Structures are given as C-alpha cells and as structure tokens.
Amino acid sequence: MEALQAERPYPGDRRSAAKEGKCHMSDIEHPFADLIGFAVSDRNEGYCETVLEIQDKHRNPHGVVHGAVIYALADTGMGGALTSKLDEGQICSTIEIKINYFRPGVSGRISCQTRIVNKGKRTAVLESDVLDDQARLIAKAMGTFMILERP
C-alpha cells in the first residue's frame, strides 16, 4: 500500500504516461482507493485486479467486511479494466452494477479480478470475481459502464 502514498509522477494524463511506459496504476492518484485502503495490483488490456488487506475499519457491526468495501473493489476494478481499452480522450462511468455476495470476507487479503465481457462504442459490460486469500468466491459482480468523451 505504500506505493499509493508515494509521489505520483504522472497525476494528469495517465494514458500518455502509460503509452510511454512510464506509468503503473499505482502511479495514478486515486484518493478514494487511498481512503478505503485498497490498491490496483495488476492491470493490462481488458483486465484489472484490485486487492485489499482486511483491517478493522473495513468491518461491519457483525465483524465481517462491509459489502460496500467489496462493491468498491469491483467498481474500481471495472473502471480499471475498461480504461485500459479506451481511446485517447475517452473516460468511463458506472451505469449500474449488480453484485451477489456468497460468503463473508473475514480476514487476510481479498482480491477482485475483473475482465471485460463486451465493449461497444458507448457502453461496456464487465464481470468481477471477488476472492478471499484461499481463492474462494466471496462475491460476483456484473456491471455496465458508459463510455464518454472527456469533457
């Protein structure tokens, strides 16, 4: 997680920096990820993995990871996977995400592996699997994102 706290040399146009081979996802400012405490561990063409070391601040009153934390991993992973396939000047935004929770996140590390299912000109559908550190499925999410020109 320390990489997220380090100075990021390319806080602006990540697409240009990435094309020059000078930018990794951990180099991109992401205040929300910093707040929650998760990181992007892998990102390539149409794929993104987000990871979180479970801490007490991530727990709900029942002592397990709050569903919103898991949702945030999926939403961010979907955005990361999709932006890896966007053209210069394009951005994306969530239209909707449906998530099914199968087991609680209790301790250790959870990861969210996301891939693009279909990408059109104006929308994309993505799928995320959230796994515990024993590779058991915690949740599965399907999301639809809009593709926009940067304002």
N, C-alpha and C. Protein backbone atom coordinates (compact mmCIF):
# COMPACT_ATOMS: atom_id res chain seq x y z
N MET A 1 0.81 -1.19 0.00
CA MET A 1 0.00 0.00 0.00
C MET A 1 0.86 1.27 0.00
N GLU A 2 2.11 1.14 0.38
CA GLU A 2 2.97 2.31 0.43
C GLU A 2 3.11 2.97 -0.93
N ALA A 3 3.03 2.17 -2.00
CA ALA A 3 3.16 2.75 -3.34
C ALA A 3 2.06 3.77 -3.60
N LEU A 4 0.88 3.57 -3.02
CA LEU A 4 -0.20 4.52 -3.21
C LEU A 4 0.10 5.85 -2.54
N GLN A 5 0.90 5.83 -1.49
CA GLN A 5 1.20 7.04 -0.75
C GLN A 5 2.37 7.81 -1.36
N ALA A 6 3.15 7.15 -2.21
CA ALA A 6 4.32 7.79 -2.80
C ALA A 6 3.91 8.89 -3.78
N GLU A 7 4.84 9.79 -4.05
CA GLU A 7 4.58 10.84 -5.03
C GLU A 7 4.35 10.21 -6.40
N ARG A 8 3.34 10.68 -7.08
CA ARG A 8 2.99 10.11 -8.37
C ARG A 8 3.47 11.06 -9.46
N PRO A 9 4.37 10.58 -10.33
CA PRO A 9 4.95 11.47 -11.32
C PRO A 9 4.00 11.89 -12.44
N TYR A 10 2.92 11.16 -12.68
CA TYR A 10 2.02 11.47 -13.77
C TYR A 10 0.59 11.54 -13.28
N PRO A 11 0.25 12.55 -12.45
CA PRO A 11 -1.11 12.62 -11.91
C PRO A 11 -2.14 13.03 -12.94
N GLY A 12 -1.73 13.58 -14.06
CA GLY A 12 -2.68 14.07 -15.04
C GLY A 12 -3.08 13.04 -16.06
N ASP A 13 -2.51 13.13 -17.24
CA ASP A 13 -2.90 12.29 -18.35
C ASP A 13 -2.23 10.92 -18.26
N ARG A 14 -2.91 9.97 -17.64
CA ARG A 14 -2.34 8.65 -17.44
C ARG A 14 -2.18 7.88 -18.74
N ARG A 15 -3.03 8.17 -19.72
CA ARG A 15 -2.93 7.44 -20.99
C ARG A 15 -1.61 7.75 -21.69
N SER A 16 -1.21 9.01 -21.72
CA SER A 16 0.06 9.38 -22.35
C SER A 16 1.22 8.76 -21.61
N ALA A 17 1.19 8.84 -20.28
CA ALA A 17 2.26 8.27 -19.47
C ALA A 17 2.34 6.76 -19.67
N ALA A 18 1.21 6.10 -19.71
CA ALA A 18 1.19 4.65 -19.88
C ALA A 18 1.74 4.27 -21.26
N LYS A 19 1.39 5.03 -22.28
CA LYS A 19 1.89 4.73 -23.62
C LYS A 19 3.41 4.89 -23.69
N GLU A 20 3.96 5.79 -22.87
CA GLU A 20 5.40 5.99 -22.84
C GLU A 20 6.08 4.94 -21.95
N GLY A 21 5.30 4.07 -21.34
CA GLY A 21 5.86 3.05 -20.48
C GLY A 21 6.33 3.60 -19.15
N LYS A 22 5.82 4.74 -18.74
CA LYS A 22 6.29 5.40 -17.52
C LYS A 22 5.27 5.38 -16.40
N CYS A 23 4.18 4.71 -16.58
CA CYS A 23 3.12 4.80 -15.60
C CYS A 23 2.57 3.42 -15.26
N HIS A 24 2.42 3.17 -13.98
CA HIS A 24 1.76 1.97 -13.48
C HIS A 24 0.52 2.46 -12.74
N MET A 25 -0.48 1.61 -12.60
CA MET A 25 -1.70 2.04 -11.91
C MET A 25 -1.40 2.61 -10.53
N SER A 26 -0.37 2.10 -9.84
CA SER A 26 -0.07 2.63 -8.52
C SER A 26 0.50 4.04 -8.61
N ASP A 27 0.87 4.48 -9.82
CA ASP A 27 1.38 5.84 -10.00
C ASP A 27 0.26 6.86 -10.18
N ILE A 28 -0.96 6.39 -10.35
CA ILE A 28 -2.09 7.27 -10.62
C ILE A 28 -2.75 7.65 -9.30
N GLU A 29 -3.01 8.93 -9.13
CA GLU A 29 -3.71 9.35 -7.92
C GLU A 29 -5.10 8.75 -7.88
N HIS A 30 -5.45 8.22 -6.74
CA HIS A 30 -6.77 7.63 -6.57
C HIS A 30 -7.18 7.85 -5.11
N PRO A 31 -7.66 9.06 -4.78
CA PRO A 31 -7.98 9.38 -3.39
C PRO A 31 -8.97 8.44 -2.74
N PHE A 32 -9.94 7.93 -3.49
CA PHE A 32 -10.91 7.01 -2.89
C PHE A 32 -10.25 5.70 -2.49
N ALA A 33 -9.39 5.17 -3.36
CA ALA A 33 -8.66 3.94 -3.01
C ALA A 33 -7.79 4.17 -1.78
N ASP A 34 -7.17 5.34 -1.70
CA ASP A 34 -6.36 5.67 -0.52
C ASP A 34 -7.23 5.69 0.73
N LEU A 35 -8.42 6.26 0.63
CA LEU A 35 -9.33 6.34 1.77
C LEU A 35 -9.74 4.96 2.27
N ILE A 36 -10.12 4.09 1.36
CA ILE A 36 -10.57 2.75 1.73
C ILE A 36 -9.38 1.86 2.09
N GLY A 37 -8.27 2.06 1.41
CA GLY A 37 -7.08 1.27 1.70
C GLY A 37 -6.87 0.09 0.77
N PHE A 38 -7.31 0.22 -0.49
CA PHE A 38 -7.06 -0.85 -1.44
C PHE A 38 -6.14 -0.35 -2.55
N ALA A 39 -5.64 -1.28 -3.35
CA ALA A 39 -4.71 -0.93 -4.41
C ALA A 39 -5.03 -1.72 -5.67
N VAL A 40 -4.57 -1.21 -6.79
CA VAL A 40 -4.63 -1.94 -8.05
C VAL A 40 -3.31 -2.69 -8.17
N SER A 41 -3.39 -4.01 -8.19
CA SER A 41 -2.16 -4.82 -8.22
C SER A 41 -1.76 -5.24 -9.62
N ASP A 42 -2.73 -5.27 -10.55
CA ASP A 42 -2.43 -5.68 -11.92
C ASP A 42 -3.44 -5.03 -12.84
N ARG A 43 -2.97 -4.60 -13.98
CA ARG A 43 -3.87 -4.01 -14.98
C ARG A 43 -3.21 -4.16 -16.33
N ASN A 44 -3.93 -4.78 -17.25
CA ASN A 44 -3.45 -4.87 -18.62
C ASN A 44 -4.65 -4.82 -19.55
N GLU A 45 -4.49 -5.12 -20.78
CA GLU A 45 -5.54 -4.97 -21.77
C GLU A 45 -6.82 -5.71 -21.39
N GLY A 46 -7.80 -4.95 -20.91
CA GLY A 46 -9.11 -5.52 -20.60
C GLY A 46 -9.20 -6.27 -19.29
N TYR A 47 -8.21 -6.14 -18.43
CA TYR A 47 -8.17 -6.86 -17.15
C TYR A 47 -7.66 -5.93 -16.06
N CYS A 48 -8.20 -6.10 -14.85
CA CYS A 48 -7.71 -5.34 -13.71
C CYS A 48 -7.92 -6.16 -12.44
N GLU A 49 -6.94 -6.09 -11.54
CA GLU A 49 -7.07 -6.74 -10.24
C GLU A 49 -6.86 -5.70 -9.15
N THR A 50 -7.82 -5.64 -8.23
CA THR A 50 -7.70 -4.79 -7.05
C THR A 50 -7.55 -5.68 -5.83
N VAL A 51 -6.81 -5.22 -4.83
CA VAL A 51 -6.55 -6.02 -3.64
C VAL A 51 -6.71 -5.18 -2.37
N LEU A 52 -7.04 -5.87 -1.30
CA LEU A 52 -7.26 -5.22 -0.01
C LEU A 52 -6.81 -6.15 1.11
N GLU A 53 -6.02 -5.61 2.01
CA GLU A 53 -5.70 -6.32 3.25
C GLU A 53 -6.78 -5.91 4.25
N ILE A 54 -7.55 -6.87 4.72
CA ILE A 54 -8.68 -6.58 5.62
C ILE A 54 -8.17 -6.02 6.94
N GLN A 55 -8.76 -4.89 7.32
CA GLN A 55 -8.46 -4.23 8.60
C GLN A 55 -9.78 -4.03 9.34
N ASP A 56 -9.68 -3.68 10.61
CA ASP A 56 -10.90 -3.45 11.40
C ASP A 56 -11.80 -2.39 10.78
N LYS A 57 -11.21 -1.36 10.15
CA LYS A 57 -12.02 -0.29 9.56
C LYS A 57 -12.90 -0.77 8.40
N HIS A 58 -12.62 -1.95 7.86
CA HIS A 58 -13.41 -2.49 6.74
C HIS A 58 -14.60 -3.33 7.20
N ARG A 59 -14.71 -3.56 8.49
CA ARG A 59 -15.73 -4.46 9.02
C ARG A 59 -17.05 -3.75 9.30
N ASN A 60 -18.13 -4.50 9.15
CA ASN A 60 -19.44 -4.00 9.55
C ASN A 60 -19.67 -4.36 11.02
N PRO A 61 -20.81 -4.03 11.60
CA PRO A 61 -21.05 -4.35 13.01
C PRO A 61 -21.04 -5.85 13.34
N HIS A 62 -21.13 -6.71 12.32
CA HIS A 62 -21.11 -8.15 12.54
C HIS A 62 -19.70 -8.74 12.50
N GLY A 63 -18.70 -7.87 12.24
CA GLY A 63 -17.31 -8.30 12.27
C GLY A 63 -16.76 -8.83 10.96
N VAL A 64 -17.51 -8.70 9.88
CA VAL A 64 -17.03 -9.14 8.57
C VAL A 64 -16.91 -7.92 7.65
N VAL A 65 -16.25 -8.10 6.51
CA VAL A 65 -16.05 -6.98 5.60
C VAL A 65 -17.39 -6.43 5.12
N HIS A 66 -17.53 -5.13 5.21
CA HIS A 66 -18.76 -4.45 4.77
C HIS A 66 -18.94 -4.65 3.27
N GLY A 67 -20.17 -4.89 2.85
CA GLY A 67 -20.47 -5.09 1.43
C GLY A 67 -20.05 -3.94 0.55
N ALA A 68 -20.09 -2.73 1.08
CA ALA A 68 -19.69 -1.56 0.28
C ALA A 68 -18.21 -1.58 -0.06
N VAL A 69 -17.40 -2.16 0.80
CA VAL A 69 -15.97 -2.29 0.52
C VAL A 69 -15.76 -3.25 -0.65
N ILE A 70 -16.47 -4.35 -0.64
CA ILE A 70 -16.38 -5.32 -1.73
C ILE A 70 -16.89 -4.71 -3.03
N TYR A 71 -17.98 -3.97 -2.93
CA TYR A 71 -18.52 -3.27 -4.10
C TYR A 71 -17.50 -2.29 -4.66
N ALA A 72 -16.81 -1.56 -3.78
CA ALA A 72 -15.81 -0.59 -4.22
C ALA A 72 -14.66 -1.26 -4.98
N LEU A 73 -14.25 -2.44 -4.52
CA LEU A 73 -13.21 -3.19 -5.23
C LEU A 73 -13.67 -3.53 -6.64
N ALA A 74 -14.92 -4.00 -6.77
CA ALA A 74 -15.45 -4.37 -8.07
C ALA A 74 -15.62 -3.15 -8.98
N ASP A 75 -16.19 -2.09 -8.47
CA ASP A 75 -16.42 -0.88 -9.26
C ASP A 75 -15.10 -0.32 -9.78
N THR A 76 -14.11 -0.24 -8.91
CA THR A 76 -12.81 0.29 -9.32
C THR A 76 -12.11 -0.65 -10.30
N GLY A 77 -12.22 -1.95 -10.05
CA GLY A 77 -11.64 -2.91 -10.98
C GLY A 77 -12.27 -2.82 -12.35
N MET A 78 -13.58 -2.61 -12.39
CA MET A 78 -14.26 -2.48 -13.68
C MET A 78 -13.77 -1.24 -14.42
N GLY A 79 -13.67 -0.14 -13.69
CA GLY A 79 -13.15 1.07 -14.32
C GLY A 79 -11.73 0.90 -14.82
N GLY A 80 -10.90 0.21 -14.02
CA GLY A 80 -9.52 -0.03 -14.44
C GLY A 80 -9.41 -0.91 -15.67
N ALA A 81 -10.21 -1.96 -15.72
CA ALA A 81 -10.19 -2.86 -16.88
C ALA A 81 -10.65 -2.11 -18.13
N LEU A 82 -11.72 -1.34 -18.00
CA LEU A 82 -12.26 -0.65 -19.17
C LEU A 82 -11.34 0.46 -19.65
N THR A 83 -10.78 1.25 -18.74
CA THR A 83 -9.91 2.34 -19.19
C THR A 83 -8.68 1.83 -19.91
N SER A 84 -8.30 0.59 -19.65
CA SER A 84 -7.14 0.03 -20.36
C SER A 84 -7.43 -0.17 -21.85
N LYS A 85 -8.70 -0.13 -22.23
CA LYS A 85 -9.09 -0.36 -23.63
C LYS A 85 -9.72 0.88 -24.28
N LEU A 86 -9.73 2.00 -23.56
CA LEU A 86 -10.34 3.21 -24.13
C LEU A 86 -9.35 3.95 -25.01
N ASP A 87 -9.89 4.73 -25.94
CA ASP A 87 -9.07 5.57 -26.81
C ASP A 87 -8.68 6.84 -26.06
N GLU A 88 -7.65 7.49 -26.55
CA GLU A 88 -7.22 8.78 -26.00
C GLU A 88 -8.42 9.72 -25.99
N GLY A 89 -8.62 10.41 -24.87
CA GLY A 89 -9.72 11.37 -24.76
C GLY A 89 -11.03 10.77 -24.28
N GLN A 90 -11.08 9.46 -24.06
CA GLN A 90 -12.30 8.83 -23.56
C GLN A 90 -12.18 8.56 -22.06
N ILE A 91 -13.31 8.59 -21.39
CA ILE A 91 -13.42 8.22 -19.98
C ILE A 91 -14.61 7.28 -19.85
N CYS A 92 -14.79 6.72 -18.66
CA CYS A 92 -15.94 5.85 -18.44
C CYS A 92 -16.59 6.17 -17.11
N SER A 93 -17.82 5.74 -16.98
CA SER A 93 -18.58 5.96 -15.75
C SER A 93 -19.55 4.80 -15.56
N THR A 94 -19.78 4.44 -14.32
CA THR A 94 -20.68 3.34 -13.98
C THR A 94 -22.12 3.70 -14.32
N ILE A 95 -22.81 2.81 -15.01
CA ILE A 95 -24.26 2.92 -15.19
C ILE A 95 -24.95 2.12 -14.11
N GLU A 96 -24.54 0.85 -13.96
CA GLU A 96 -25.12 0.00 -12.92
C GLU A 96 -24.19 -1.16 -12.64
N ILE A 97 -24.29 -1.67 -11.42
CA ILE A 97 -23.57 -2.88 -11.04
C ILE A 97 -24.52 -3.74 -10.22
N LYS A 98 -24.58 -5.01 -10.56
CA LYS A 98 -25.32 -5.99 -9.77
C LYS A 98 -24.29 -6.89 -9.12
N ILE A 99 -24.43 -7.10 -7.83
CA ILE A 99 -23.45 -7.91 -7.11
C ILE A 99 -24.16 -8.96 -6.27
N ASN A 100 -23.64 -10.18 -6.30
CA ASN A 100 -24.12 -11.27 -5.44
C ASN A 100 -23.02 -11.59 -4.45
N TYR A 101 -23.38 -11.66 -3.17
CA TYR A 101 -22.44 -12.00 -2.11
C TYR A 101 -22.67 -13.45 -1.71
N PHE A 102 -21.59 -14.24 -1.67
CA PHE A 102 -21.71 -15.66 -1.38
C PHE A 102 -21.17 -16.07 -0.02
N ARG A 103 -20.16 -15.39 0.46
CA ARG A 103 -19.57 -15.71 1.76
C ARG A 103 -18.95 -14.42 2.30
N PRO A 104 -18.78 -14.34 3.60
CA PRO A 104 -18.20 -13.12 4.17
C PRO A 104 -16.68 -13.07 3.99
N GLY A 105 -16.17 -11.86 3.87
CA GLY A 105 -14.74 -11.64 3.96
C GLY A 105 -14.43 -11.49 5.44
N VAL A 106 -13.52 -12.30 5.94
CA VAL A 106 -13.28 -12.33 7.39
C VAL A 106 -11.92 -11.77 7.77
N SER A 107 -10.86 -12.28 7.14
CA SER A 107 -9.51 -11.82 7.48
C SER A 107 -8.59 -12.06 6.30
N GLY A 108 -7.40 -11.50 6.39
CA GLY A 108 -6.42 -11.69 5.34
C GLY A 108 -6.59 -10.73 4.19
N ARG A 109 -6.34 -11.22 3.02
CA ARG A 109 -6.36 -10.41 1.80
C ARG A 109 -7.52 -10.85 0.91
N ILE A 110 -8.21 -9.88 0.34
CA ILE A 110 -9.21 -10.19 -0.68
C ILE A 110 -8.77 -9.53 -1.98
N SER A 111 -9.10 -10.18 -3.07
CA SER A 111 -8.75 -9.64 -4.38
C SER A 111 -9.99 -9.65 -5.26
N CYS A 112 -9.99 -8.75 -6.21
CA CYS A 112 -11.08 -8.66 -7.17
C CYS A 112 -10.49 -8.71 -8.56
N GLN A 113 -10.84 -9.73 -9.31
CA GLN A 113 -10.34 -9.93 -10.67
C GLN A 113 -11.45 -9.58 -11.66
N THR A 114 -11.16 -8.60 -12.52
CA THR A 114 -12.18 -8.07 -13.42
C THR A 114 -11.73 -8.20 -14.87
N ARG A 115 -12.71 -8.54 -15.72
CA ARG A 115 -12.43 -8.60 -17.15
C ARG A 115 -13.61 -7.99 -17.92
N ILE A 116 -13.31 -7.53 -19.11
CA ILE A 116 -14.35 -7.01 -20.00
C ILE A 116 -15.06 -8.19 -20.65
N VAL A 117 -16.38 -8.19 -20.57
CA VAL A 117 -17.19 -9.21 -21.24
C VAL A 117 -17.52 -8.75 -22.66
N ASN A 118 -17.90 -7.48 -22.80
CA ASN A 118 -18.22 -6.91 -24.11
C ASN A 118 -17.99 -5.41 -24.07
N LYS A 119 -17.36 -4.88 -25.11
CA LYS A 119 -17.16 -3.43 -25.21
C LYS A 119 -17.69 -2.96 -26.56
N GLY A 120 -18.66 -2.06 -26.48
CA GLY A 120 -19.19 -1.43 -27.68
C GLY A 120 -18.64 -0.02 -27.81
N LYS A 121 -19.28 0.78 -28.64
CA LYS A 121 -18.83 2.16 -28.84
C LYS A 121 -19.19 3.06 -27.67
N ARG A 122 -20.35 2.83 -27.04
CA ARG A 122 -20.81 3.72 -25.98
C ARG A 122 -21.03 3.04 -24.63
N THR A 123 -21.06 1.72 -24.60
CA THR A 123 -21.21 1.01 -23.33
C THR A 123 -20.32 -0.23 -23.31
N ALA A 124 -20.08 -0.70 -22.10
CA ALA A 124 -19.31 -1.93 -21.92
C ALA A 124 -19.90 -2.71 -20.76
N VAL A 125 -19.78 -4.03 -20.82
CA VAL A 125 -20.21 -4.91 -19.74
C VAL A 125 -18.97 -5.59 -19.19
N LEU A 126 -18.86 -5.60 -17.86
CA LEU A 126 -17.70 -6.17 -17.19
C LEU A 126 -18.14 -7.15 -16.12
N GLU A 127 -17.22 -8.05 -15.76
CA GLU A 127 -17.50 -9.08 -14.76
C GLU A 127 -16.35 -9.11 -13.75
N SER A 128 -16.69 -9.16 -12.47
CA SER A 128 -15.69 -9.21 -11.41
C SER A 128 -15.94 -10.41 -10.50
N ASP A 129 -14.87 -11.08 -10.12
CA ASP A 129 -14.90 -12.13 -9.10
C ASP A 129 -14.09 -11.63 -7.92
N VAL A 130 -14.70 -11.60 -6.74
CA VAL A 130 -14.01 -11.21 -5.52
C VAL A 130 -13.69 -12.49 -4.75
N LEU A 131 -12.40 -12.67 -4.46
CA LEU A 131 -11.92 -13.91 -3.86
C LEU A 131 -11.23 -13.65 -2.53
N ASP A 132 -11.32 -14.62 -1.62
CA ASP A 132 -10.55 -14.50 -0.37
C ASP A 132 -9.15 -15.05 -0.62
N ASP A 133 -8.31 -15.05 0.42
CA ASP A 133 -6.93 -15.48 0.23
C ASP A 133 -6.78 -16.99 0.07
N GLN A 134 -7.89 -17.71 0.12
CA GLN A 134 -7.89 -19.15 -0.19
C GLN A 134 -8.54 -19.43 -1.55
N ALA A 135 -8.69 -18.36 -2.34
CA ALA A 135 -9.28 -18.42 -3.69
C ALA A 135 -10.74 -18.86 -3.69
N ARG A 136 -11.44 -18.64 -2.57
CA ARG A 136 -12.88 -18.93 -2.52
C ARG A 136 -13.65 -17.68 -2.96
N LEU A 137 -14.72 -17.91 -3.71
CA LEU A 137 -15.53 -16.82 -4.23
C LEU A 137 -16.34 -16.16 -3.11
N ILE A 138 -16.08 -14.88 -2.90
CA ILE A 138 -16.83 -14.09 -1.91
C ILE A 138 -18.03 -13.43 -2.58
N ALA A 139 -17.80 -12.89 -3.78
CA ALA A 139 -18.87 -12.18 -4.49
C ALA A 139 -18.58 -12.19 -5.99
N LYS A 140 -19.64 -12.02 -6.75
CA LYS A 140 -19.54 -11.89 -8.21
C LYS A 140 -20.36 -10.67 -8.60
N ALA A 141 -19.78 -9.84 -9.46
CA ALA A 141 -20.47 -8.62 -9.89
C ALA A 141 -20.47 -8.53 -11.41
N MET A 142 -21.55 -8.01 -11.94
CA MET A 142 -21.67 -7.68 -13.37
C MET A 142 -22.02 -6.21 -13.45
N GLY A 143 -21.31 -5.49 -14.29
CA GLY A 143 -21.54 -4.06 -14.38
C GLY A 143 -21.63 -3.57 -15.81
N THR A 144 -22.36 -2.48 -15.98
CA THR A 144 -22.47 -1.80 -17.26
C THR A 144 -21.90 -0.41 -17.08
N PHE A 145 -21.00 -0.03 -17.96
CA PHE A 145 -20.37 1.28 -17.92
C PHE A 145 -20.63 2.03 -19.19
N MET A 146 -20.74 3.36 -19.10
CA MET A 146 -20.86 4.19 -20.29
C MET A 146 -19.47 4.67 -20.68
N ILE A 147 -19.27 4.87 -21.95
CA ILE A 147 -18.01 5.38 -22.49
C ILE A 147 -18.30 6.77 -23.03
N LEU A 148 -17.55 7.74 -22.54
CA LEU A 148 -17.80 9.15 -22.85
C LEU A 148 -16.53 9.82 -23.36
N GLU A 149 -16.72 10.92 -24.05
CA GLU A 149 -15.58 11.78 -24.40
C GLU A 149 -15.27 12.64 -23.18
N ARG A 150 -13.97 12.80 -22.90
CA ARG A 150 -13.56 13.63 -21.76
C ARG A 150 -14.09 15.05 -21.96
N PRO A 151 -14.75 15.59 -20.92
CA PRO A 151 -15.30 16.95 -21.05
C PRO A 151 -14.20 18.00 -21.17
